Amino acid sequence: MKTRILMAAFAFGVLSTFTIAASAQDKKENKKESVGEKIDHTATKVGHKTAEVAVKGTSKIADKTWKGKMAPDGSNVYINNKNQKYYINKRGAKVFLKASEIKTRPEKAKS
């Protein structure tokens, strides 16, 4: 009788150890996926910002900046050699504007 109780306790201990270890591995795999997703998201953000800075730099050199005017998101308006007005969005793409979309930039208050 004592042998059966000891065997049952031993079997229960062994089985519970395997189930705890298996669930711990699942949690680690989920963390790896979330870390991978975070890295992917951050890499995308860095890529968009790099593209935005590069396109803004080339636009400032190659095209004219329309002083006193701003795009709907508050950024600068550029004019290319074909007299097209555009601004650079957060992903680094040129967004061409209609005349009705261009706003006058408010003047800074003098102190």
C-alpha atoms as a PDB file:
ATOM      1  CA  MET A   1       0.000   0.000   0.000  1.00  0.00           C
ATOM      2  CA  LYS A   2       2.787   2.421   0.918  1.00  0.00           C
ATOM      3  CA  THR A   3       4.549   1.570  -2.336  1.00  0.00           C
ATOM      4  CA  ARG A   4       1.489   2.494  -4.393  1.00  0.00           C
ATOM      5  CA  ILE A   5       1.139   5.836  -2.624  1.00  0.00           C
ATOM      6  CA  LEU A   6       4.815   6.598  -3.141  1.00  0.00           C
ATOM      7  CA  MET A   7       4.621   5.603  -6.835  1.00  0.00           C
ATOM      8  CA  ALA A   8       1.526   7.744  -7.348  1.00  0.00           C
ATOM      9  CA  ALA A   9       3.182  10.740  -5.688  1.00  0.00           C
ATOM     10  CA  PHE A  10       6.331  10.248  -7.758  1.00  0.00           C
ATOM     11  CA  ALA A  11       4.305   9.969 -10.993  1.00  0.00           C
ATOM     12  CA  PHE A  12       2.327  13.082 -10.116  1.00  0.00           C
ATOM     13  CA  GLY A  13       5.545  14.991  -9.419  1.00  0.00           C
ATOM     14  CA  VAL A  14       7.125  13.936 -12.714  1.00  0.00           C
ATOM     15  CA  LEU A  15       4.023  14.805 -14.767  1.00  0.00           C
ATOM     16  CA  SER A  16       3.581  18.176 -13.098  1.00  0.00           C
ATOM     17  CA  THR A  17       7.237  19.012 -13.792  1.00  0.00           C
ATOM     18  CA  PHE A  18       6.785  18.350 -17.513  1.00  0.00           C
ATOM     19  CA  THR A  19       3.623  20.450 -17.757  1.00  0.00           C
ATOM     20  CA  ILE A  20       5.226  23.393 -15.929  1.00  0.00           C
ATOM     21  CA  ALA A  21       8.310  23.215 -18.163  1.00  0.00           C
ATOM     22  CA  ALA A  22       6.176  23.064 -21.309  1.00  0.00           C
ATOM     23  CA  SER A  23       4.128  26.101 -20.338  1.00  0.00           C
ATOM     24  CA  ALA A  24       7.294  28.043 -19.479  1.00  0.00           C
ATOM     25  CA  GLN A  25       8.669  27.393 -22.969  1.00  0.00           C
ATOM     26  CA  ASP A  26       5.457  28.666 -24.554  1.00  0.00           C
ATOM     27  CA  LYS A  27       5.772  31.926 -22.669  1.00  0.00           C
ATOM     28  CA  LYS A  28       9.359  32.382 -23.855  1.00  0.00           C
ATOM     29  CA  GLU A  29       8.341  31.819 -27.473  1.00  0.00           C
ATOM     30  CA  ASN A  30       5.602  34.441 -27.134  1.00  0.00           C
ATOM     31  CA  LYS A  31       8.138  36.909 -25.754  1.00  0.00           C
ATOM     32  CA  LYS A  32      10.451  36.246 -28.680  1.00  0.00           C
ATOM     33  CA  GLU A  33       7.633  36.955 -31.115  1.00  0.00           C
ATOM     34  CA  SER A  34       6.717  40.176 -29.354  1.00  0.00           C
ATOM     35  CA  VAL A  35      10.357  41.283 -29.311  1.00  0.00           C
ATOM     36  CA  GLY A  36      10.610  40.484 -33.007  1.00  0.00           C
ATOM     37  CA  GLU A  37       7.471  42.475 -33.692  1.00  0.00           C
ATOM     38  CA  LYS A  38       8.864  45.415 -31.702  1.00  0.00           C
ATOM     39  CA  ILE A  39      12.111  45.303 -33.668  1.00  0.00           C
ATOM     40  CA  ASP A  40      10.171  45.177 -36.930  1.00  0.00           C
ATOM     41  CA  HIS A  41       7.986  48.115 -35.890  1.00  0.00           C
ATOM     42  CA  THR A  42      11.011  50.169 -34.817  1.00  0.00           C
ATOM     43  CA  ALA A  43      12.880  49.373 -38.030  1.00  0.00           C
ATOM     44  CA  THR A  44       9.874  50.555 -40.031  1.00  0.00           C
ATOM     45  CA  LYS A  45       9.725  53.819 -38.059  1.00  0.00           C
ATOM     46  CA  VAL A  46      13.448  54.407 -38.589  1.00  0.00           C
ATOM     47  CA  GLY A  47      13.081  53.735 -42.308  1.00  0.00           C
ATOM     48  CA  HIS A  48      10.207  56.203 -42.646  1.00  0.00           C
ATOM     49  CA  LYS A  49      12.089  58.906 -40.743  1.00  0.00           C
ATOM     50  CA  THR A  50      15.235  58.349 -42.826  1.00  0.00           C
ATOM     51  CA  ALA A  51      13.238  58.645 -46.042  1.00  0.00           C
ATOM     52  CA  GLU A  52      11.516  61.801 -44.790  1.00  0.00           C
ATOM     53  CA  VAL A  53      14.809  63.494 -43.881  1.00  0.00           C
ATOM     54  CA  ALA A  54      16.452  62.495 -47.170  1.00  0.00           C
ATOM     55  CA  VAL A  55      13.598  63.750 -49.346  1.00  0.00           C
ATOM     56  CA  LYS A  56      13.308  67.000 -47.374  1.00  0.00           C
ATOM     57  CA  GLY A  57      17.039  67.571 -47.805  1.00  0.00           C
ATOM     58  CA  THR A  58      16.924  67.080 -51.571  1.00  0.00           C
ATOM     59  CA  SER A  59      13.801  69.227 -51.838  1.00  0.00           C
ATOM     60  CA  LYS A  60      15.444  72.117 -49.996  1.00  0.00           C
ATOM     61  CA  ILE A  61      18.376  71.981 -52.387  1.00  0.00           C
ATOM     62  CA  ALA A  62      16.615  71.298 -55.695  1.00  0.00           C
ATOM     63  CA  ASP A  63      13.259  73.086 -55.233  1.00  0.00           C
ATOM     64  CA  LYS A  64      12.059  76.388 -53.828  1.00  0.00           C
ATOM     65  CA  THR A  65      10.392  76.707 -50.448  1.00  0.00           C
ATOM     66  CA  TRP A  66       7.227  78.799 -50.480  1.00  0.00           C
ATOM     67  CA  LYS A  67       7.722  81.214 -47.594  1.00  0.00           C
ATOM     68  CA  GLY A  68       4.641  82.239 -45.647  1.00  0.00           C
ATOM     69  CA  LYS A  69       2.664  79.153 -46.715  1.00  0.00           C
ATOM     70  CA  MET A  70       2.184  75.761 -45.121  1.00  0.00           C
ATOM     71  CA  ALA A  71       0.728  72.367 -45.962  1.00  0.00           C
ATOM     72  CA  PRO A  72      -2.367  70.951 -44.199  1.00  0.00           C
ATOM     73  CA  ASP A  73      -0.135  69.200 -41.635  1.00  0.00           C
ATOM     74  CA  GLY A  74       1.852  72.394 -40.920  1.00  0.00           C
ATOM     75  CA  SER A  75       5.021  71.518 -42.846  1.00  0.00           C
ATOM     76  CA  ASN A  76       6.764  73.540 -45.568  1.00  0.00           C
ATOM     77  CA  VAL A  77       5.399  73.773 -49.097  1.00  0.00           C
ATOM     78  CA  TYR A  78       7.900  73.212 -51.919  1.00  0.00           C
ATOM     79  CA  ILE A  79       7.606  74.262 -55.566  1.00  0.00           C
ATOM     80  CA  ASN A  80       9.335  72.148 -58.213  1.00  0.00           C
ATOM     81  CA  ASN A  81      10.495  73.258 -61.700  1.00  0.00           C
ATOM     82  CA  LYS A  82       7.068  72.371 -63.169  1.00  0.00           C
ATOM     83  CA  ASN A  83       5.421  74.845 -60.751  1.00  0.00           C
ATOM     84  CA  GLN A  84       3.797  72.003 -58.802  1.00  0.00           C
ATOM     85  CA  LYS A  85       3.318  72.536 -55.075  1.00  0.00           C
ATOM     86  CA  TYR A  86       3.943  69.654 -52.668  1.00  0.00           C
ATOM     87  CA  TYR A  87       4.922  68.750 -49.134  1.00  0.00           C
ATOM     88  CA  ILE A  88       6.742  65.771 -47.619  1.00  0.00           C
ATOM     89  CA  ASN A  89       4.621  63.449 -45.438  1.00  0.00           C
ATOM     90  CA  LYS A  90       5.831  61.394 -42.450  1.00  0.00           C
ATOM     91  CA  ARG A  91       6.780  58.455 -44.690  1.00  0.00           C
ATOM     92  CA  GLY A  92       8.985  60.534 -46.956  1.00  0.00           C
ATOM     93  CA  ALA A  93       6.599  60.700 -49.925  1.00  0.00           C
ATOM     94  CA  LYS A  94       5.881  63.850 -51.907  1.00  0.00           C
ATOM     95  CA  VAL A  95       2.196  64.776 -51.637  1.00  0.00           C
ATOM     96  CA  PHE A  96       1.101  67.221 -54.322  1.00  0.00           C
ATOM     97  CA  LEU A  97      -1.305  69.947 -53.251  1.00  0.00           C
ATOM     98  CA  LYS A  98      -4.273  71.705 -54.775  1.00  0.00           C
ATOM     99  CA  ALA A  99      -4.443  75.483 -54.424  1.00  0.00           C
ATOM    100  CA  SER A 100      -7.264  75.128 -51.880  1.00  0.00           C
ATOM    101  CA  GLU A 101      -5.123  72.943 -49.589  1.00  0.00           C
ATOM    102  CA  ILE A 102      -2.333  75.501 -49.128  1.00  0.00           C
ATOM    103  CA  LYS A 103      -2.693  77.615 -45.986  1.00  0.00           C
ATOM    104  CA  THR A 104      -1.095  80.868 -44.915  1.00  0.00           C
ATOM    105  CA  ARG A 105       1.403  80.353 -42.115  1.00  0.00           C
ATOM    106  CA  PRO A 106       0.516  82.410 -39.008  1.00  0.00           C
ATOM    107  CA  GLU A 107       3.144  84.982 -38.066  1.00  0.00           C
ATOM    108  CA  LYS A 108       5.091  84.517 -34.871  1.00  0.00           C
ATOM    109  CA  ALA A 109       4.090  86.913 -32.109  1.00  0.00           C
ATOM    110  CA  LYS A 110       6.804  89.437 -31.323  1.00  0.00           C
ATOM    111  CA  SER A 111       7.626  89.748 -27.624  1.00  0.00           C
END
